[in-house]
Amino acid sequence: MASSSRLPDSLKGLLGLLAFVLVVGGASGLLHEWFGFIRFMGFVRFLVPEGHEVPGYAVMVALGCAAGALGHRKAD
């Protein structure tokens, strides 16, 4: 299903920012959970349910990668 529509530059920028926050915040949360490092982006802890931190941060990293891939997608 090919689409000839392109994402506007403002939406690409928003997806890039969202991808950065999700990937860096999720990775920071995983490092904090596994090794006790200082949280780099501590506000993302409010996005993850208590008791499910490791899978929640892993999902954040995966969603960030997907958002980044969508933002860098080339038009047909």
C-alpha atoms as a PDB file:
ATOM      1  CA  MET A   1       0.000   0.000   0.000  1.00  0.00           C
ATOM      2  CA  ALA A   2       2.093   2.851  -1.290  1.00  0.00           C
ATOM      3  CA  SER A   3       1.236   6.386  -0.349  1.00  0.00           C
ATOM      4  CA  SER A   4       2.546   9.436  -2.137  1.00  0.00           C
ATOM      5  CA  SER A   5       1.883  11.764   0.796  1.00  0.00           C
ATOM      6  CA  ARG A   6       4.874  13.115   2.663  1.00  0.00           C
ATOM      7  CA  LEU A   7       5.068  14.065   6.299  1.00  0.00           C
ATOM      8  CA  PRO A   8       5.295  17.815   6.889  1.00  0.00           C
ATOM      9  CA  ASP A   9       8.630  19.039   8.252  1.00  0.00           C
ATOM     10  CA  SER A  10       6.993  20.126  11.504  1.00  0.00           C
ATOM     11  CA  LEU A  11       5.642  16.609  12.055  1.00  0.00           C
ATOM     12  CA  LYS A  12       9.051  15.127  11.261  1.00  0.00           C
ATOM     13  CA  GLY A  13      10.588  17.417  13.857  1.00  0.00           C
ATOM     14  CA  LEU A  14       7.969  16.433  16.428  1.00  0.00           C
ATOM     15  CA  LEU A  15       8.528  12.731  15.714  1.00  0.00           C
ATOM     16  CA  GLY A  16      12.273  13.237  16.052  1.00  0.00           C
ATOM     17  CA  LEU A  17      11.835  14.912  19.438  1.00  0.00           C
ATOM     18  CA  LEU A  18       9.422  12.217  20.605  1.00  0.00           C
ATOM     19  CA  ALA A  19      11.805   9.493  19.440  1.00  0.00           C
ATOM     20  CA  PHE A  20      14.708  11.117  21.291  1.00  0.00           C
ATOM     21  CA  VAL A  21      12.755  11.470  24.529  1.00  0.00           C
ATOM     22  CA  LEU A  22      11.447   7.897  24.399  1.00  0.00           C
ATOM     23  CA  VAL A  23      14.749   6.235  23.499  1.00  0.00           C
ATOM     24  CA  VAL A  24      16.951   8.235  25.867  1.00  0.00           C
ATOM     25  CA  GLY A  25      14.380   8.203  28.671  1.00  0.00           C
ATOM     26  CA  GLY A  26      13.725   4.482  28.291  1.00  0.00           C
ATOM     27  CA  ALA A  27      17.418   3.628  28.155  1.00  0.00           C
ATOM     28  CA  SER A  28      18.068   5.844  31.168  1.00  0.00           C
ATOM     29  CA  GLY A  29      15.272   4.120  33.058  1.00  0.00           C
ATOM     30  CA  LEU A  30      16.621   0.686  32.186  1.00  0.00           C
ATOM     31  CA  LEU A  31      20.120   1.652  33.332  1.00  0.00           C
ATOM     32  CA  HIS A  32      18.662   2.997  36.565  1.00  0.00           C
ATOM     33  CA  GLU A  33      16.677  -0.185  37.203  1.00  0.00           C
ATOM     34  CA  TRP A  34      19.524  -2.548  36.379  1.00  0.00           C
ATOM     35  CA  PHE A  35      22.560  -0.704  37.746  1.00  0.00           C
ATOM     36  CA  GLY A  36      21.248   2.090  39.955  1.00  0.00           C
ATOM     37  CA  PHE A  37      22.623   4.903  37.791  1.00  0.00           C
ATOM     38  CA  ILE A  38      21.267   8.416  38.172  1.00  0.00           C
ATOM     39  CA  ARG A  39      18.193   9.003  36.044  1.00  0.00           C
ATOM     40  CA  PHE A  40      18.936  11.299  33.137  1.00  0.00           C
ATOM     41  CA  MET A  41      15.292  11.979  32.267  1.00  0.00           C
ATOM     42  CA  GLY A  42      13.486  11.224  35.502  1.00  0.00           C
ATOM     43  CA  PHE A  43      10.106  12.511  34.363  1.00  0.00           C
ATOM     44  CA  VAL A  44       9.544   9.428  32.186  1.00  0.00           C
ATOM     45  CA  ARG A  45       9.080   7.347  35.345  1.00  0.00           C
ATOM     46  CA  PHE A  46       5.549   8.761  35.512  1.00  0.00           C
ATOM     47  CA  LEU A  47       4.752   7.064  32.178  1.00  0.00           C
ATOM     48  CA  VAL A  48       5.515   3.557  33.490  1.00  0.00           C
ATOM     49  CA  PRO A  49       3.254   1.680  35.947  1.00  0.00           C
ATOM     50  CA  GLU A  50       4.821   0.890  39.297  1.00  0.00           C
ATOM     51  CA  GLY A  51       6.084  -2.667  39.464  1.00  0.00           C
ATOM     52  CA  HIS A  52       6.494  -2.945  35.678  1.00  0.00           C
ATOM     53  CA  GLU A  53       9.468  -0.675  35.175  1.00  0.00           C
ATOM     54  CA  VAL A  54      11.757  -2.887  33.077  1.00  0.00           C
ATOM     55  CA  PRO A  55       9.148  -3.933  30.482  1.00  0.00           C
ATOM     56  CA  GLY A  56       7.740  -0.404  30.446  1.00  0.00           C
ATOM     57  CA  TYR A  57      11.104   1.174  29.701  1.00  0.00           C
ATOM     58  CA  ALA A  58      11.805  -1.473  27.053  1.00  0.00           C
ATOM     59  CA  VAL A  59       8.490  -0.603  25.367  1.00  0.00           C
ATOM     60  CA  MET A  60       9.455   3.075  25.497  1.00  0.00           C
ATOM     61  CA  VAL A  61      12.719   2.341  23.687  1.00  0.00           C
ATOM     62  CA  ALA A  62      10.891   0.268  21.056  1.00  0.00           C
ATOM     63  CA  LEU A  63       8.257   2.982  20.503  1.00  0.00           C
ATOM     64  CA  GLY A  64      10.997   5.595  20.245  1.00  0.00           C
ATOM     65  CA  CYS A  65      12.759   3.561  17.573  1.00  0.00           C
ATOM     66  CA  ALA A  66       9.482   3.186  15.673  1.00  0.00           C
ATOM     67  CA  ALA A  67       8.752   6.924  15.892  1.00  0.00           C
ATOM     68  CA  GLY A  68      12.273   7.703  14.667  1.00  0.00           C
ATOM     69  CA  ALA A  69      11.923   5.306  11.753  1.00  0.00           C
ATOM     70  CA  LEU A  70       8.582   6.853  10.821  1.00  0.00           C
ATOM     71  CA  GLY A  71      10.085  10.333  10.925  1.00  0.00           C
ATOM     72  CA  HIS A  72      12.968   9.322   8.652  1.00  0.00           C
ATOM     73  CA  ARG A  73      10.783   7.445   6.185  1.00  0.00           C
ATOM     74  CA  LYS A  74      11.248   8.487   2.581  1.00  0.00           C
ATOM     75  CA  ALA A  75       8.355   9.147   0.273  1.00  0.00           C
ATOM     76  CA  ASP A  76       7.828   6.856  -2.701  1.00  0.00           C
END
